[in-house]
Amino acid sequence: MSILSFRSHKKFLRELNCTAAFLLFSGISFCLCTLVSLSGCAEHSSGFIFTHQDISISVNVTPNANNSSAVAVDVLMPLTDGTETAVASLSARQWFSGKEQFQRDYTSEQDYWVLHHEYVPGIVVPPIAINLKDQTKSIVIFADYQTEGLHRFRTTRGDNMVLTLGRYDFTVAGPNTKEPGAGNE
């Protein structure tokens, strides 16, 4: 093999290695981006009957949200007076610690509907789209913060909102909410 063909072959292999490395990096990046975006996906119970009343909750996650830790957020929609009364005075800490028992005590399709999300500080997430049932009594947002406080927000249905997850608490702004409203009621 001549020196010229050896250099050409070596250059070809170097370019091939760069291409392979780029494709590997692109694949890993795609997988990581997919995992991060799926972390904000909603979990909800099956059998939900949607109506045509839609609202949207835009979510801003600050880089230092929850002291730079992931924050769980539940958007709860009580469908009966009993479930609304049961959650009306709960703090987020009480909600998250007693959620399993609440789900045993109340039937999700008949008594309430909940969307669960978990957000990593600093990520960009799509808005939460909600199709409300006619029976929806209110919307209650719980955020599982490390700091003391209620970390709860309640509003009547039908308003688009902006939820901002901050360092120690969250705020909610919208047409019929406090402008901006603190997570603590």
N, C-alpha and C. Protein backbone atom coordinates (compact mmCIF):
# COMPACT_ATOMS: atom_id res chain seq x y z
N MET A 1 0.86 -1.16 0.00
CA MET A 1 0.00 0.00 0.00
C MET A 1 0.91 1.22 0.00
N SER A 2 0.59 2.17 -0.83
CA SER A 2 1.42 3.36 -0.93
C SER A 2 1.11 4.31 0.23
N ILE A 3 2.05 5.22 0.47
CA ILE A 3 1.88 6.19 1.55
C ILE A 3 0.67 7.06 1.30
N LEU A 4 0.39 7.42 0.04
CA LEU A 4 -0.75 8.26 -0.31
C LEU A 4 -2.06 7.53 0.00
N SER A 5 -2.16 6.25 -0.39
CA SER A 5 -3.41 5.52 -0.12
C SER A 5 -3.56 5.24 1.38
N PHE A 6 -2.45 5.04 2.10
CA PHE A 6 -2.51 4.84 3.54
C PHE A 6 -3.04 6.10 4.23
N ARG A 7 -2.55 7.29 3.80
CA ARG A 7 -3.03 8.55 4.38
C ARG A 7 -4.51 8.76 4.05
N SER A 8 -4.92 8.44 2.84
CA SER A 8 -6.33 8.58 2.45
C SER A 8 -7.19 7.64 3.28
N HIS A 9 -6.71 6.41 3.46
CA HIS A 9 -7.44 5.43 4.24
C HIS A 9 -7.55 5.89 5.71
N LYS A 10 -6.44 6.41 6.25
CA LYS A 10 -6.42 6.90 7.62
C LYS A 10 -7.37 8.10 7.78
N LYS A 11 -7.38 9.01 6.80
CA LYS A 11 -8.28 10.17 6.83
C LYS A 11 -9.73 9.71 6.77
N PHE A 12 -10.01 8.72 5.93
CA PHE A 12 -11.36 8.17 5.80
C PHE A 12 -11.82 7.57 7.13
N LEU A 13 -10.95 6.80 7.80
CA LEU A 13 -11.29 6.21 9.10
C LEU A 13 -11.52 7.27 10.17
N ARG A 14 -10.70 8.33 10.16
CA ARG A 14 -10.87 9.42 11.11
C ARG A 14 -12.23 10.11 10.89
N GLU A 15 -12.58 10.36 9.63
CA GLU A 15 -13.88 10.98 9.33
C GLU A 15 -15.02 10.04 9.70
N LEU A 16 -14.83 8.73 9.47
CA LEU A 16 -15.84 7.75 9.83
C LEU A 16 -16.05 7.72 11.35
N ASN A 17 -14.94 7.78 12.11
CA ASN A 17 -15.03 7.81 13.58
C ASN A 17 -15.74 9.07 14.06
N CYS A 18 -15.46 10.21 13.42
CA CYS A 18 -16.15 11.46 13.80
C CYS A 18 -17.63 11.36 13.52
N THR A 19 -18.01 10.78 12.38
CA THR A 19 -19.42 10.62 12.04
C THR A 19 -20.10 9.68 13.02
N ALA A 20 -19.44 8.57 13.34
CA ALA A 20 -20.01 7.62 14.29
C ALA A 20 -20.17 8.26 15.67
N ALA A 21 -19.18 9.03 16.10
CA ALA A 21 -19.26 9.70 17.39
C ALA A 21 -20.41 10.71 17.39
N PHE A 22 -20.55 11.45 16.29
CA PHE A 22 -21.64 12.42 16.19
C PHE A 22 -22.99 11.71 16.25
N LEU A 23 -23.15 10.61 15.53
CA LEU A 23 -24.42 9.87 15.54
C LEU A 23 -24.70 9.30 16.93
N LEU A 24 -23.68 8.79 17.60
CA LEU A 24 -23.85 8.27 18.95
C LEU A 24 -24.26 9.38 19.90
N PHE A 25 -23.57 10.53 19.83
CA PHE A 25 -23.91 11.67 20.68
C PHE A 25 -25.33 12.15 20.38
N SER A 26 -25.71 12.22 19.12
CA SER A 26 -27.07 12.65 18.75
C SER A 26 -28.11 11.69 19.30
N GLY A 27 -27.84 10.39 19.21
CA GLY A 27 -28.78 9.40 19.72
C GLY A 27 -28.95 9.50 21.23
N ILE A 28 -27.83 9.65 21.94
CA ILE A 28 -27.89 9.79 23.40
C ILE A 28 -28.62 11.08 23.77
N SER A 29 -28.33 12.17 23.08
CA SER A 29 -29.00 13.44 23.35
C SER A 29 -30.49 13.32 23.12
N PHE A 30 -30.90 12.67 22.04
CA PHE A 30 -32.32 12.47 21.75
C PHE A 30 -32.99 11.69 22.87
N CYS A 31 -32.34 10.61 23.33
CA CYS A 31 -32.91 9.80 24.41
C CYS A 31 -33.06 10.61 25.70
N LEU A 32 -32.03 11.40 26.05
CA LEU A 32 -32.10 12.21 27.26
C LEU A 32 -33.19 13.27 27.16
N CYS A 33 -33.30 13.92 26.01
CA CYS A 33 -34.35 14.93 25.82
C CYS A 33 -35.72 14.29 25.93
N THR A 34 -35.88 13.10 25.38
CA THR A 34 -37.16 12.41 25.45
C THR A 34 -37.50 12.07 26.89
N LEU A 35 -36.51 11.58 27.66
CA LEU A 35 -36.76 11.26 29.06
C LEU A 35 -37.15 12.48 29.87
N VAL A 36 -36.46 13.61 29.64
CA VAL A 36 -36.77 14.83 30.37
C VAL A 36 -38.17 15.32 30.02
N SER A 37 -38.53 15.28 28.74
CA SER A 37 -39.86 15.76 28.37
C SER A 37 -40.95 14.83 28.89
N LEU A 38 -40.66 13.52 28.98
CA LEU A 38 -41.66 12.59 29.51
C LEU A 38 -41.83 12.74 31.01
N SER A 39 -40.84 13.31 31.68
CA SER A 39 -40.96 13.47 33.13
C SER A 39 -42.07 14.43 33.50
N GLY A 40 -42.47 15.27 32.59
CA GLY A 40 -43.57 16.19 32.85
C GLY A 40 -44.90 15.69 32.33
N CYS A 41 -44.97 14.47 31.87
CA CYS A 41 -46.21 13.94 31.30
C CYS A 41 -47.22 13.66 32.40
N ALA A 42 -48.46 13.80 32.04
CA ALA A 42 -49.54 13.60 33.01
C ALA A 42 -49.89 12.13 33.15
N GLU A 43 -50.18 11.73 34.37
CA GLU A 43 -50.74 10.42 34.63
C GLU A 43 -52.17 10.67 35.03
N HIS A 44 -53.11 10.01 34.42
CA HIS A 44 -54.49 10.17 34.85
C HIS A 44 -55.22 8.86 34.72
N SER A 45 -56.33 8.78 35.42
CA SER A 45 -57.09 7.55 35.44
C SER A 45 -57.82 7.35 34.12
N SER A 46 -58.03 6.09 33.77
CA SER A 46 -58.74 5.80 32.53
C SER A 46 -60.23 5.98 32.75
N GLY A 47 -60.98 6.07 31.68
CA GLY A 47 -62.41 6.18 31.78
C GLY A 47 -62.90 7.61 31.97
N PHE A 48 -62.04 8.60 31.87
CA PHE A 48 -62.44 9.99 32.02
C PHE A 48 -63.24 10.41 30.81
N ILE A 49 -64.41 10.99 31.05
CA ILE A 49 -65.27 11.46 29.96
C ILE A 49 -65.00 12.95 29.77
N PHE A 50 -64.45 13.32 28.63
CA PHE A 50 -64.08 14.71 28.39
C PHE A 50 -65.28 15.52 27.92
N THR A 51 -65.30 16.78 28.32
CA THR A 51 -66.27 17.72 27.78
C THR A 51 -65.52 18.67 26.86
N HIS A 52 -66.21 19.65 26.34
CA HIS A 52 -65.55 20.59 25.43
C HIS A 52 -64.99 21.81 26.14
N GLN A 53 -65.06 21.82 27.47
CA GLN A 53 -64.51 22.94 28.21
C GLN A 53 -63.03 22.68 28.48
N ASP A 54 -62.17 23.44 27.84
CA ASP A 54 -60.73 23.25 27.95
C ASP A 54 -60.11 24.43 28.68
N ILE A 55 -59.13 24.14 29.51
CA ILE A 55 -58.29 25.19 30.08
C ILE A 55 -56.84 24.75 29.94
N SER A 56 -55.97 25.70 30.13
CA SER A 56 -54.55 25.43 30.01
C SER A 56 -53.82 26.04 31.20
N ILE A 57 -52.87 25.28 31.72
CA ILE A 57 -52.01 25.80 32.78
C ILE A 57 -50.59 25.83 32.21
N SER A 58 -50.10 27.03 31.93
CA SER A 58 -48.72 27.18 31.48
C SER A 58 -47.82 27.03 32.69
N VAL A 59 -46.70 26.34 32.52
CA VAL A 59 -45.82 26.05 33.66
C VAL A 59 -44.44 26.64 33.40
N ASN A 60 -43.99 27.47 34.34
CA ASN A 60 -42.63 28.01 34.31
C ASN A 60 -41.88 27.39 35.48
N VAL A 61 -40.77 26.74 35.19
CA VAL A 61 -39.97 26.10 36.23
C VAL A 61 -38.66 26.88 36.33
N THR A 62 -38.48 27.61 37.43
CA THR A 62 -37.27 28.41 37.58
C THR A 62 -36.07 27.50 37.80
N PRO A 63 -34.87 27.99 37.49
CA PRO A 63 -33.66 27.16 37.67
C PRO A 63 -33.42 26.73 39.11
N ASN A 64 -33.93 27.48 40.08
CA ASN A 64 -33.72 27.14 41.49
C ASN A 64 -35.00 26.64 42.15
N ALA A 65 -35.95 26.17 41.37
CA ALA A 65 -37.23 25.70 41.91
C ALA A 65 -37.02 24.66 43.00
N ASN A 66 -37.78 24.79 44.08
CA ASN A 66 -37.73 23.84 45.20
C ASN A 66 -36.29 23.63 45.69
N ASN A 67 -35.58 24.75 45.84
CA ASN A 67 -34.17 24.68 46.27
C ASN A 67 -33.34 23.79 45.34
N SER A 68 -33.59 23.93 44.04
CA SER A 68 -32.88 23.18 42.99
C SER A 68 -33.11 21.68 43.07
N SER A 69 -34.31 21.29 43.46
CA SER A 69 -34.71 19.88 43.51
C SER A 69 -35.98 19.69 42.70
N ALA A 70 -36.20 18.47 42.24
CA ALA A 70 -37.44 18.19 41.50
C ALA A 70 -38.64 18.48 42.40
N VAL A 71 -39.72 18.91 41.78
CA VAL A 71 -40.93 19.22 42.54
C VAL A 71 -42.12 18.49 41.91
N ALA A 72 -42.83 17.72 42.72
CA ALA A 72 -44.03 17.03 42.27
C ALA A 72 -45.20 18.01 42.35
N VAL A 73 -46.05 17.98 41.33
CA VAL A 73 -47.23 18.85 41.28
C VAL A 73 -48.43 17.98 40.93
N ASP A 74 -49.47 18.08 41.75
CA ASP A 74 -50.74 17.42 41.46
C ASP A 74 -51.79 18.48 41.21
N VAL A 75 -52.50 18.33 40.10
CA VAL A 75 -53.63 19.19 39.78
C VAL A 75 -54.87 18.33 40.02
N LEU A 76 -55.62 18.66 41.06
CA LEU A 76 -56.76 17.87 41.48
C LEU A 76 -58.05 18.59 41.11
N MET A 77 -58.99 17.84 40.56
CA MET A 77 -60.30 18.39 40.23
C MET A 77 -61.38 17.59 40.96
N PRO A 78 -61.87 18.09 42.11
CA PRO A 78 -62.94 17.41 42.82
C PRO A 78 -64.23 17.43 41.98
N LEU A 79 -64.94 16.31 41.96
CA LEU A 79 -66.18 16.21 41.20
C LEU A 79 -67.41 16.16 42.10
N THR A 80 -67.19 16.02 43.40
CA THR A 80 -68.30 15.96 44.36
C THR A 80 -68.02 16.92 45.50
N ASP A 81 -69.08 17.28 46.22
CA ASP A 81 -68.91 18.14 47.39
C ASP A 81 -68.05 17.45 48.45
N GLY A 82 -68.20 16.12 48.57
CA GLY A 82 -67.42 15.37 49.56
C GLY A 82 -65.93 15.43 49.31
N THR A 83 -65.51 15.25 48.06
CA THR A 83 -64.07 15.30 47.76
C THR A 83 -63.54 16.72 47.87
N GLU A 84 -64.37 17.69 47.49
CA GLU A 84 -63.92 19.08 47.61
C GLU A 84 -63.71 19.45 49.08
N THR A 85 -64.63 19.03 49.94
CA THR A 85 -64.51 19.28 51.37
C THR A 85 -63.29 18.55 51.94
N ALA A 86 -63.05 17.34 51.48
CA ALA A 86 -61.94 16.53 52.01
C ALA A 86 -60.58 17.16 51.73
N VAL A 87 -60.44 17.87 50.60
CA VAL A 87 -59.13 18.45 50.26
C VAL A 87 -59.04 19.94 50.54
N ALA A 88 -60.15 20.57 50.91
CA ALA A 88 -60.19 22.03 51.06
C ALA A 88 -59.17 22.58 52.04
N SER A 89 -58.90 21.88 53.11
CA SER A 89 -58.00 22.42 54.13
C SER A 89 -56.64 21.73 54.17
N LEU A 90 -56.37 20.84 53.22
CA LEU A 90 -55.10 20.11 53.24
C LEU A 90 -53.95 20.98 52.74
N SER A 91 -52.81 20.83 53.38
CA SER A 91 -51.58 21.40 52.83
C SER A 91 -51.04 20.41 51.81
N ALA A 92 -50.07 20.84 51.03
CA ALA A 92 -49.47 19.93 50.05
C ALA A 92 -48.82 18.74 50.74
N ARG A 93 -48.16 18.98 51.86
CA ARG A 93 -47.51 17.89 52.59
C ARG A 93 -48.54 16.85 53.04
N GLN A 94 -49.70 17.33 53.54
CA GLN A 94 -50.77 16.41 53.94
C GLN A 94 -51.33 15.67 52.72
N TRP A 95 -51.48 16.37 51.61
CA TRP A 95 -52.01 15.74 50.40
C TRP A 95 -51.09 14.62 49.93
N PHE A 96 -49.81 14.92 49.77
CA PHE A 96 -48.89 13.92 49.23
C PHE A 96 -48.68 12.75 50.20
N SER A 97 -48.68 13.02 51.50
CA SER A 97 -48.51 11.91 52.44
C SER A 97 -49.78 11.07 52.59
N GLY A 98 -50.96 11.67 52.38
CA GLY A 98 -52.21 10.95 52.52
C GLY A 98 -52.89 10.59 51.21
N LYS A 99 -52.22 10.83 50.10
CA LYS A 99 -52.80 10.62 48.77
C LYS A 99 -53.23 9.17 48.54
N GLU A 100 -52.42 8.24 48.98
CA GLU A 100 -52.74 6.82 48.79
C GLU A 100 -54.04 6.45 49.50
N GLN A 101 -54.21 6.93 50.73
CA GLN A 101 -55.45 6.65 51.46
C GLN A 101 -56.63 7.36 50.82
N PHE A 102 -56.43 8.58 50.35
CA PHE A 102 -57.49 9.33 49.67
C PHE A 102 -57.98 8.54 48.45
N GLN A 103 -57.05 7.97 47.70
CA GLN A 103 -57.41 7.19 46.52
C GLN A 103 -58.16 5.92 46.88
N ARG A 104 -57.92 5.39 48.08
CA ARG A 104 -58.70 4.22 48.53
C ARG A 104 -60.09 4.64 48.99
N ASP A 105 -60.19 5.84 49.57
CA ASP A 105 -61.47 6.31 50.11
C ASP A 105 -62.42 6.83 49.04
N TYR A 106 -61.88 7.36 47.95
CA TYR A 106 -62.71 7.97 46.91
C TYR A 106 -62.42 7.31 45.56
N THR A 107 -63.46 7.15 44.77
CA THR A 107 -63.33 6.55 43.43
C THR A 107 -62.96 7.65 42.45
N SER A 108 -61.85 7.48 41.76
CA SER A 108 -61.35 8.56 40.92
C SER A 108 -62.31 8.96 39.80
N GLU A 109 -62.93 8.04 39.11
CA GLU A 109 -63.78 8.41 37.98
C GLU A 109 -65.04 9.13 38.44
N GLN A 110 -65.50 8.88 39.65
CA GLN A 110 -66.75 9.46 40.13
C GLN A 110 -66.54 10.64 41.07
N ASP A 111 -65.47 10.63 41.85
CA ASP A 111 -65.29 11.63 42.91
C ASP A 111 -64.27 12.71 42.59
N TYR A 112 -63.27 12.39 41.80
CA TYR A 112 -62.22 13.36 41.50
C TYR A 112 -61.44 12.90 40.27
N TRP A 113 -60.61 13.80 39.79
CA TRP A 113 -59.67 13.50 38.72
C TRP A 113 -58.38 14.22 39.07
N VAL A 114 -57.24 13.57 38.89
CA VAL A 114 -55.97 14.19 39.25
C VAL A 114 -54.94 13.98 38.14
N LEU A 115 -54.15 15.01 37.90
CA LEU A 115 -53.01 14.94 36.99
C LEU A 115 -51.75 15.06 37.83
N HIS A 116 -50.81 14.18 37.63
CA HIS A 116 -49.56 14.22 38.39
C HIS A 116 -48.42 14.56 37.44
N HIS A 117 -47.58 15.48 37.86
CA HIS A 117 -46.40 15.89 37.10
C HIS A 117 -45.22 16.00 38.06
N GLU A 118 -44.04 15.82 37.54
CA GLU A 118 -42.84 16.09 38.33
C GLU A 118 -41.90 16.90 37.45
N TYR A 119 -41.45 18.02 37.99
CA TYR A 119 -40.65 18.95 37.20
C TYR A 119 -39.25 19.09 37.76
N VAL A 120 -38.28 19.12 36.86
CA VAL A 120 -36.88 19.33 37.20
C VAL A 120 -36.59 20.82 37.03
N PRO A 121 -35.92 21.45 37.98
CA PRO A 121 -35.65 22.89 37.88
C PRO A 121 -34.98 23.28 36.57
N GLY A 122 -35.47 24.37 36.00
CA GLY A 122 -34.87 24.95 34.80
C GLY A 122 -35.32 24.36 33.48
N ILE A 123 -36.15 23.32 33.47
CA ILE A 123 -36.56 22.74 32.20
C ILE A 123 -37.74 23.51 31.62
N VAL A 124 -37.87 23.43 30.31
CA VAL A 124 -38.99 24.03 29.62
C VAL A 124 -40.01 22.92 29.38
N VAL A 125 -41.25 23.17 29.78
CA VAL A 125 -42.28 22.13 29.67
C VAL A 125 -43.49 22.68 28.93
N PRO A 126 -44.23 21.78 28.30
CA PRO A 126 -45.46 22.23 27.62
C PRO A 126 -46.54 22.52 28.65
N PRO A 127 -47.54 23.31 28.26
CA PRO A 127 -48.63 23.60 29.19
C PRO A 127 -49.41 22.33 29.53
N ILE A 128 -50.09 22.36 30.67
CA ILE A 128 -50.97 21.27 31.07
C ILE A 128 -52.33 21.57 30.45
N ALA A 129 -52.80 20.71 29.59
CA ALA A 129 -54.12 20.88 28.97
C ALA A 129 -55.14 20.07 29.77
N ILE A 130 -56.22 20.72 30.14
CA ILE A 130 -57.25 20.06 30.95
C ILE A 130 -58.60 20.21 30.26
N ASN A 131 -59.28 19.09 30.12
CA ASN A 131 -60.67 19.08 29.66
C ASN A 131 -61.53 18.79 30.88
N LEU A 132 -62.29 19.78 31.30
CA LEU A 132 -63.04 19.66 32.54
C LEU A 132 -64.37 18.96 32.35
N LYS A 133 -64.74 18.18 33.35
CA LYS A 133 -66.08 17.61 33.40
C LYS A 133 -67.04 18.68 33.88
N ASP A 134 -68.30 18.53 33.55
CA ASP A 134 -69.30 19.49 34.00
C ASP A 134 -69.40 19.55 35.51
N GLN A 135 -69.16 18.42 36.20
CA GLN A 135 -69.30 18.37 37.65
C GLN A 135 -68.12 18.97 38.40
N THR A 136 -67.06 19.37 37.72
CA THR A 136 -65.87 19.85 38.40
C THR A 136 -66.22 21.01 39.32
N LYS A 137 -65.88 20.87 40.59
CA LYS A 137 -66.19 21.88 41.59
C LYS A 137 -65.15 22.99 41.63
N SER A 138 -63.89 22.62 41.48
CA SER A 138 -62.79 23.58 41.54
C SER A 138 -61.54 22.89 41.02
N ILE A 139 -60.47 23.64 40.99
CA ILE A 139 -59.16 23.09 40.65
C ILE A 139 -58.25 23.40 41.83
N VAL A 140 -57.61 22.37 42.36
CA VAL A 140 -56.71 22.52 43.49
C VAL A 140 -55.32 22.06 43.03
N ILE A 141 -54.35 22.92 43.18
CA ILE A 141 -52.97 22.59 42.79
C ILE A 141 -52.15 22.42 44.06
N PHE A 142 -51.49 21.26 44.16
CA PHE A 142 -50.59 20.98 45.27
C PHE A 142 -49.17 20.84 44.70
N ALA A 143 -48.19 21.46 45.34
CA ALA A 143 -46.79 21.32 44.94
C ALA A 143 -45.99 20.84 46.14
N ASP A 144 -45.24 19.78 45.96
CA ASP A 144 -44.51 19.13 47.05
C ASP A 144 -43.15 19.79 47.26
N TYR A 145 -43.15 20.91 47.99
CA TYR A 145 -41.92 21.66 48.28
C TYR A 145 -41.25 21.15 49.54
N GLN A 146 -39.95 21.37 49.62
CA GLN A 146 -39.18 20.99 50.81
C GLN A 146 -39.40 21.97 51.95
N THR A 147 -39.83 23.18 51.64
CA THR A 147 -39.99 24.22 52.65
C THR A 147 -41.36 24.11 53.32
N GLU A 148 -41.48 24.74 54.49
CA GLU A 148 -42.76 24.78 55.21
C GLU A 148 -43.73 25.67 54.47
N GLY A 149 -45.00 25.35 54.59
CA GLY A 149 -46.05 26.17 53.98
C GLY A 149 -47.15 25.29 53.43
N LEU A 150 -48.26 25.93 53.04
CA LEU A 150 -49.39 25.18 52.49
C LEU A 150 -49.09 24.63 51.10
N HIS A 151 -48.43 25.42 50.25
CA HIS A 151 -48.08 25.02 48.88
C HIS A 151 -49.31 24.46 48.15
N ARG A 152 -50.41 25.20 48.31
CA ARG A 152 -51.69 24.81 47.73
C ARG A 152 -52.32 26.05 47.11
N PHE A 153 -53.04 25.83 46.00
CA PHE A 153 -53.78 26.91 45.37
C PHE A 153 -55.11 26.35 44.91
N ARG A 154 -56.19 27.07 45.16
CA ARG A 154 -57.53 26.63 44.76
C ARG A 154 -58.20 27.75 43.97
N THR A 155 -58.85 27.37 42.89
CA THR A 155 -59.58 28.34 42.10
C THR A 155 -60.84 27.69 41.53
N THR A 156 -61.77 28.51 41.12
CA THR A 156 -62.95 27.97 40.44
C THR A 156 -62.54 27.59 39.03
N ARG A 157 -63.29 26.72 38.44
CA ARG A 157 -62.91 26.18 37.14
C ARG A 157 -63.07 27.20 36.01
N GLY A 158 -62.40 26.89 34.92
CA GLY A 158 -62.63 27.61 33.69
C GLY A 158 -61.63 28.67 33.31
N ASP A 159 -60.57 28.89 34.07
CA ASP A 159 -59.61 29.94 33.75
C ASP A 159 -58.27 29.36 33.32
N ASN A 160 -57.69 29.95 32.28
CA ASN A 160 -56.31 29.61 31.94
C ASN A 160 -55.42 30.24 32.99
N MET A 161 -54.34 29.55 33.34
CA MET A 161 -53.47 30.02 34.42
C MET A 161 -52.01 29.90 34.01
N VAL A 162 -51.18 30.61 34.73
CA VAL A 162 -49.73 30.48 34.61
C VAL A 162 -49.20 30.08 35.98
N LEU A 163 -48.61 28.89 36.06
CA LEU A 163 -48.04 28.35 37.29
C LEU A 163 -46.53 28.54 37.22
N THR A 164 -45.98 29.27 38.18
CA THR A 164 -44.54 29.48 38.24
C THR A 164 -44.01 28.79 39.49
N LEU A 165 -43.14 27.81 39.27
CA LEU A 165 -42.53 27.07 40.38
C LEU A 165 -41.24 27.79 40.77
N GLY A 166 -41.26 28.41 41.93
CA GLY A 166 -40.12 29.19 42.40
C GLY A 166 -39.27 28.42 43.39
N ARG A 167 -38.35 29.12 44.01
CA ARG A 167 -37.40 28.49 44.91
C ARG A 167 -38.06 27.92 46.17
N TYR A 168 -38.96 28.70 46.80
CA TYR A 168 -39.55 28.29 48.07
C TYR A 168 -41.05 28.00 47.98
N ASP A 169 -41.70 28.42 46.92
CA ASP A 169 -43.15 28.26 46.77
C ASP A 169 -43.49 28.50 45.30
N PHE A 170 -44.75 28.37 44.97
CA PHE A 170 -45.18 28.63 43.61
C PHE A 170 -46.19 29.77 43.59
N THR A 171 -46.35 30.37 42.44
CA THR A 171 -47.38 31.39 42.24
C THR A 171 -48.25 30.97 41.08
N VAL A 172 -49.48 31.48 41.10
CA VAL A 172 -50.42 31.24 40.02
C VAL A 172 -51.00 32.58 39.61
N ALA A 173 -51.02 32.84 38.32
CA ALA A 173 -51.63 34.06 37.80
C ALA A 173 -52.63 33.67 36.73
N GLY A 174 -53.70 34.43 36.65
CA GLY A 174 -54.72 34.18 35.65
C GLY A 174 -55.84 35.19 35.78
N PRO A 175 -56.83 35.11 34.90
CA PRO A 175 -57.89 36.11 34.87
C PRO A 175 -58.66 36.25 36.19
N ASN A 176 -58.96 35.16 36.87
CA ASN A 176 -59.75 35.24 38.10
C ASN A 176 -58.97 34.77 39.31
N THR A 177 -57.66 34.89 39.27
CA THR A 177 -56.84 34.52 40.42
C THR A 177 -56.21 35.78 40.97
N LYS A 178 -55.60 35.65 42.12
CA LYS A 178 -54.83 36.77 42.66
C LYS A 178 -53.74 37.06 41.65
N GLU A 179 -53.39 38.28 41.43
CA GLU A 179 -52.43 38.66 40.38
C GLU A 179 -51.11 39.11 40.96
N PRO A 180 -50.06 38.33 41.01
CA PRO A 180 -50.06 36.88 40.96
C PRO A 180 -50.47 36.33 42.32
N GLY A 181 -50.93 35.14 42.33
CA GLY A 181 -51.37 34.51 43.57
C GLY A 181 -50.28 33.65 44.15
N ALA A 182 -50.12 33.72 45.42
CA ALA A 182 -49.16 32.83 46.07
C ALA A 182 -49.77 31.44 46.16
N GLY A 183 -48.93 30.44 46.17
CA GLY A 183 -49.40 29.08 46.33
C GLY A 183 -50.14 28.91 47.65
N ASN A 184 -49.69 29.60 48.66
CA ASN A 184 -50.38 29.54 49.95
C ASN A 184 -51.64 30.39 49.88
N GLU A 185 -52.76 29.77 50.24
CA GLU A 185 -54.03 30.51 50.20
C GLU A 185 -54.13 31.46 51.36
